[in-house]
């Protein structure tokens, strides 16, 4: 199976320290790879955040007492 990735060539001004950090954190060999990984990670986190926002909150979860009662068959 082949996966084809489309890319877009662009020019951006990125603070040097930020780019150095992202290259170190991602262990990327090139600036292009570092930026691509950072963008992909940002997008993944946004998708996860959107998904999580629709899952409810902990107050919707059963309490320990409710769980014990249910397990006891009451």
N, C-alpha and C. Protein backbone atom coordinates (compact mmCIF):
# COMPACT_ATOMS: atom_id res chain seq x y z
N UNK A 1 0.85 -1.17 0.00
CA UNK A 1 0.00 0.00 0.00
C UNK A 1 0.89 1.23 0.00
N UNK A 2 0.59 2.17 -0.87
CA UNK A 2 1.35 3.40 -0.95
C UNK A 2 0.50 4.54 -0.43
N UNK A 3 1.11 5.39 0.38
CA UNK A 3 0.43 6.58 0.87
C UNK A 3 1.09 7.78 0.19
N UNK A 4 0.28 8.59 -0.44
CA UNK A 4 0.79 9.76 -1.13
C UNK A 4 0.49 10.98 -0.29
N UNK A 5 1.53 11.70 0.07
CA UNK A 5 1.38 12.91 0.84
C UNK A 5 1.57 14.10 -0.08
N UNK A 6 0.61 14.99 -0.05
CA UNK A 6 0.76 16.22 -0.81
C UNK A 6 1.39 17.25 0.10
N UNK A 7 2.23 18.06 -0.43
CA UNK A 7 2.87 19.09 0.38
C UNK A 7 2.73 20.44 -0.31
N UNK A 8 2.96 21.48 0.46
CA UNK A 8 2.87 22.83 -0.06
C UNK A 8 4.14 23.56 0.34
N UNK A 9 4.81 24.11 -0.62
CA UNK A 9 6.02 24.86 -0.33
C UNK A 9 5.61 26.28 0.05
N UNK A 10 6.17 26.76 1.17
CA UNK A 10 5.82 28.10 1.64
C UNK A 10 7.00 28.69 2.38
N UNK A 11 6.97 29.98 2.57
CA UNK A 11 8.01 30.67 3.32
C UNK A 11 7.36 31.26 4.57
N UNK A 12 7.94 30.94 5.71
CA UNK A 12 7.42 31.47 6.98
C UNK A 12 8.59 31.94 7.84
N UNK A 13 8.31 32.92 8.67
CA UNK A 13 9.29 33.39 9.64
C UNK A 13 8.97 32.74 10.98
N UNK A 14 9.89 31.90 11.44
CA UNK A 14 9.73 31.21 12.70
C UNK A 14 10.88 31.63 13.60
N UNK A 15 10.58 32.04 14.82
CA UNK A 15 11.67 32.41 15.72
C UNK A 15 12.69 31.27 15.83
N UNK A 16 13.96 31.61 15.73
CA UNK A 16 15.03 30.62 15.69
C UNK A 16 15.00 29.69 16.90
N UNK A 17 14.81 30.24 18.09
CA UNK A 17 14.79 29.43 19.31
C UNK A 17 13.65 28.42 19.27
N UNK A 18 12.47 28.83 18.78
CA UNK A 18 11.32 27.92 18.70
C UNK A 18 11.60 26.78 17.73
N UNK A 19 12.21 27.11 16.61
CA UNK A 19 12.53 26.08 15.62
C UNK A 19 13.59 25.11 16.17
N UNK A 20 14.59 25.64 16.87
CA UNK A 20 15.60 24.78 17.50
C UNK A 20 14.95 23.83 18.50
N UNK A 21 14.02 24.37 19.30
CA UNK A 21 13.33 23.53 20.29
C UNK A 21 12.52 22.43 19.62
N UNK A 22 11.75 22.79 18.60
CA UNK A 22 10.91 21.77 17.95
C UNK A 22 11.77 20.71 17.27
N UNK A 23 12.91 21.10 16.75
CA UNK A 23 13.81 20.12 16.14
C UNK A 23 14.36 19.17 17.21
N UNK A 24 14.67 19.73 18.38
CA UNK A 24 15.18 18.90 19.46
C UNK A 24 14.09 17.96 19.99
N UNK A 25 12.89 18.50 20.22
CA UNK A 25 11.80 17.70 20.79
C UNK A 25 11.33 16.60 19.83
N UNK A 26 11.29 16.90 18.54
CA UNK A 26 10.81 15.91 17.56
C UNK A 26 11.92 15.00 17.06
N UNK A 27 13.16 15.36 17.36
CA UNK A 27 14.33 14.63 16.85
C UNK A 27 14.34 14.59 15.32
N UNK A 28 13.82 15.66 14.73
CA UNK A 28 13.75 15.77 13.28
C UNK A 28 15.15 16.05 12.72
N UNK A 29 15.39 15.51 11.55
CA UNK A 29 16.68 15.70 10.90
C UNK A 29 16.74 17.00 10.10
N UNK A 30 15.57 17.50 9.71
CA UNK A 30 15.53 18.73 8.91
C UNK A 30 14.50 19.69 9.48
N UNK A 31 14.60 20.94 9.09
CA UNK A 31 13.63 21.95 9.52
C UNK A 31 12.25 21.61 8.96
N UNK A 32 12.22 21.17 7.72
CA UNK A 32 10.95 20.80 7.09
C UNK A 32 10.26 19.69 7.87
N UNK A 33 11.01 18.67 8.23
CA UNK A 33 10.46 17.56 8.99
C UNK A 33 9.96 18.04 10.36
N UNK A 34 10.72 18.91 11.00
CA UNK A 34 10.34 19.42 12.32
C UNK A 34 9.03 20.20 12.25
N UNK A 35 8.90 21.07 11.27
CA UNK A 35 7.68 21.86 11.12
C UNK A 35 6.50 20.96 10.76
N UNK A 36 6.72 20.01 9.87
CA UNK A 36 5.64 19.09 9.49
C UNK A 36 5.17 18.29 10.70
N UNK A 37 6.09 17.81 11.52
CA UNK A 37 5.71 17.06 12.72
C UNK A 37 4.96 17.95 13.71
N UNK A 38 5.43 19.17 13.88
CA UNK A 38 4.77 20.09 14.81
C UNK A 38 3.35 20.41 14.35
N UNK A 39 3.18 20.64 13.07
CA UNK A 39 1.85 20.93 12.53
C UNK A 39 0.95 19.70 12.68
N UNK A 40 1.47 18.52 12.35
CA UNK A 40 0.68 17.30 12.47
C UNK A 40 0.28 17.05 13.93
N UNK A 41 1.21 17.28 14.86
CA UNK A 41 0.90 17.09 16.28
C UNK A 41 -0.16 18.09 16.74
N UNK A 42 -0.04 19.34 16.32
CA UNK A 42 -1.04 20.35 16.67
C UNK A 42 -2.41 19.93 16.17
N UNK A 43 -2.48 19.51 14.92
CA UNK A 43 -3.77 19.09 14.34
C UNK A 43 -4.34 17.88 15.07
N UNK A 44 -3.49 16.91 15.42
CA UNK A 44 -3.94 15.74 16.15
C UNK A 44 -4.51 16.14 17.51
N UNK A 45 -3.83 17.05 18.21
CA UNK A 45 -4.31 17.50 19.51
C UNK A 45 -5.64 18.24 19.39
N UNK A 46 -5.81 19.00 18.33
CA UNK A 46 -7.08 19.71 18.14
C UNK A 46 -8.21 18.72 17.88
N UNK A 47 -7.95 17.69 17.07
CA UNK A 47 -8.97 16.68 16.82
C UNK A 47 -9.34 15.93 18.09
N UNK A 48 -8.33 15.58 18.91
CA UNK A 48 -8.59 14.90 20.17
C UNK A 48 -9.37 15.78 21.13
N UNK A 49 -9.04 17.05 21.16
CA UNK A 49 -9.75 17.99 22.03
C UNK A 49 -11.22 18.09 21.62
N UNK A 50 -11.45 18.17 20.33
CA UNK A 50 -12.83 18.24 19.83
C UNK A 50 -13.59 16.96 20.19
N UNK A 51 -12.94 15.83 20.03
CA UNK A 51 -13.56 14.56 20.37
C UNK A 51 -13.86 14.48 21.87
N UNK A 52 -12.89 14.87 22.69
CA UNK A 52 -13.06 14.80 24.14
C UNK A 52 -14.16 15.72 24.63
N UNK A 53 -14.35 16.86 23.97
CA UNK A 53 -15.38 17.80 24.42
C UNK A 53 -16.78 17.21 24.28
N UNK A 54 -16.94 16.24 23.42
CA UNK A 54 -18.24 15.62 23.24
C UNK A 54 -18.47 14.39 24.10
N UNK A 55 -17.50 14.04 24.92
CA UNK A 55 -17.61 12.82 25.71
C UNK A 55 -18.22 13.02 27.09
N UNK A 56 -18.47 14.24 27.48
CA UNK A 56 -19.05 14.49 28.80
C UNK A 56 -17.99 14.83 29.82
N UNK A 57 -18.42 14.86 31.07
CA UNK A 57 -17.52 15.23 32.15
C UNK A 57 -17.50 14.14 33.20
N UNK A 58 -16.60 14.24 34.14
CA UNK A 58 -16.50 13.25 35.19
C UNK A 58 -17.73 13.25 36.10
N UNK A 59 -18.40 14.39 36.23
CA UNK A 59 -19.59 14.41 37.08
C UNK A 59 -20.70 13.53 36.48
N UNK A 60 -20.59 13.19 35.20
CA UNK A 60 -21.54 12.29 34.58
C UNK A 60 -21.22 10.82 34.90
N UNK A 61 -20.06 10.60 35.48
CA UNK A 61 -19.63 9.24 35.78
C UNK A 61 -20.28 8.76 37.08
N UNK A 62 -20.36 7.48 37.20
CA UNK A 62 -20.92 6.83 38.37
C UNK A 62 -19.97 7.02 39.57
N UNK A 63 -20.54 7.24 40.76
CA UNK A 63 -19.71 7.35 41.96
C UNK A 63 -19.31 5.96 42.42
N UNK A 64 -18.34 5.90 43.32
CA UNK A 64 -17.90 4.62 43.86
C UNK A 64 -19.06 3.92 44.58
N UNK A 65 -19.86 4.70 45.32
CA UNK A 65 -21.00 4.14 46.04
C UNK A 65 -22.04 3.57 45.07
N UNK A 66 -22.30 4.28 43.98
CA UNK A 66 -23.26 3.79 42.98
C UNK A 66 -22.75 2.49 42.34
N UNK A 67 -21.45 2.43 42.08
CA UNK A 67 -20.85 1.24 41.50
C UNK A 67 -20.96 0.06 42.46
N UNK A 68 -20.64 0.30 43.73
CA UNK A 68 -20.75 -0.77 44.73
C UNK A 68 -22.18 -1.27 44.86
N UNK A 69 -23.14 -0.35 44.84
CA UNK A 69 -24.55 -0.71 44.94
C UNK A 69 -24.96 -1.55 43.73
N UNK A 70 -24.53 -1.13 42.54
CA UNK A 70 -24.87 -1.87 41.33
C UNK A 70 -24.27 -3.28 41.36
N UNK A 71 -23.02 -3.39 41.82
CA UNK A 71 -22.36 -4.69 41.89
C UNK A 71 -23.03 -5.62 42.90
N UNK A 72 -23.60 -5.01 43.95
CA UNK A 72 -24.27 -5.79 44.98
C UNK A 72 -25.65 -6.26 44.50
N UNK A 73 -26.11 -5.71 43.39
CA UNK A 73 -27.39 -6.12 42.82
C UNK A 73 -28.59 -5.42 43.40
N UNK A 74 -28.40 -4.26 43.98
CA UNK A 74 -29.51 -3.50 44.56
C UNK A 74 -29.98 -2.44 43.63
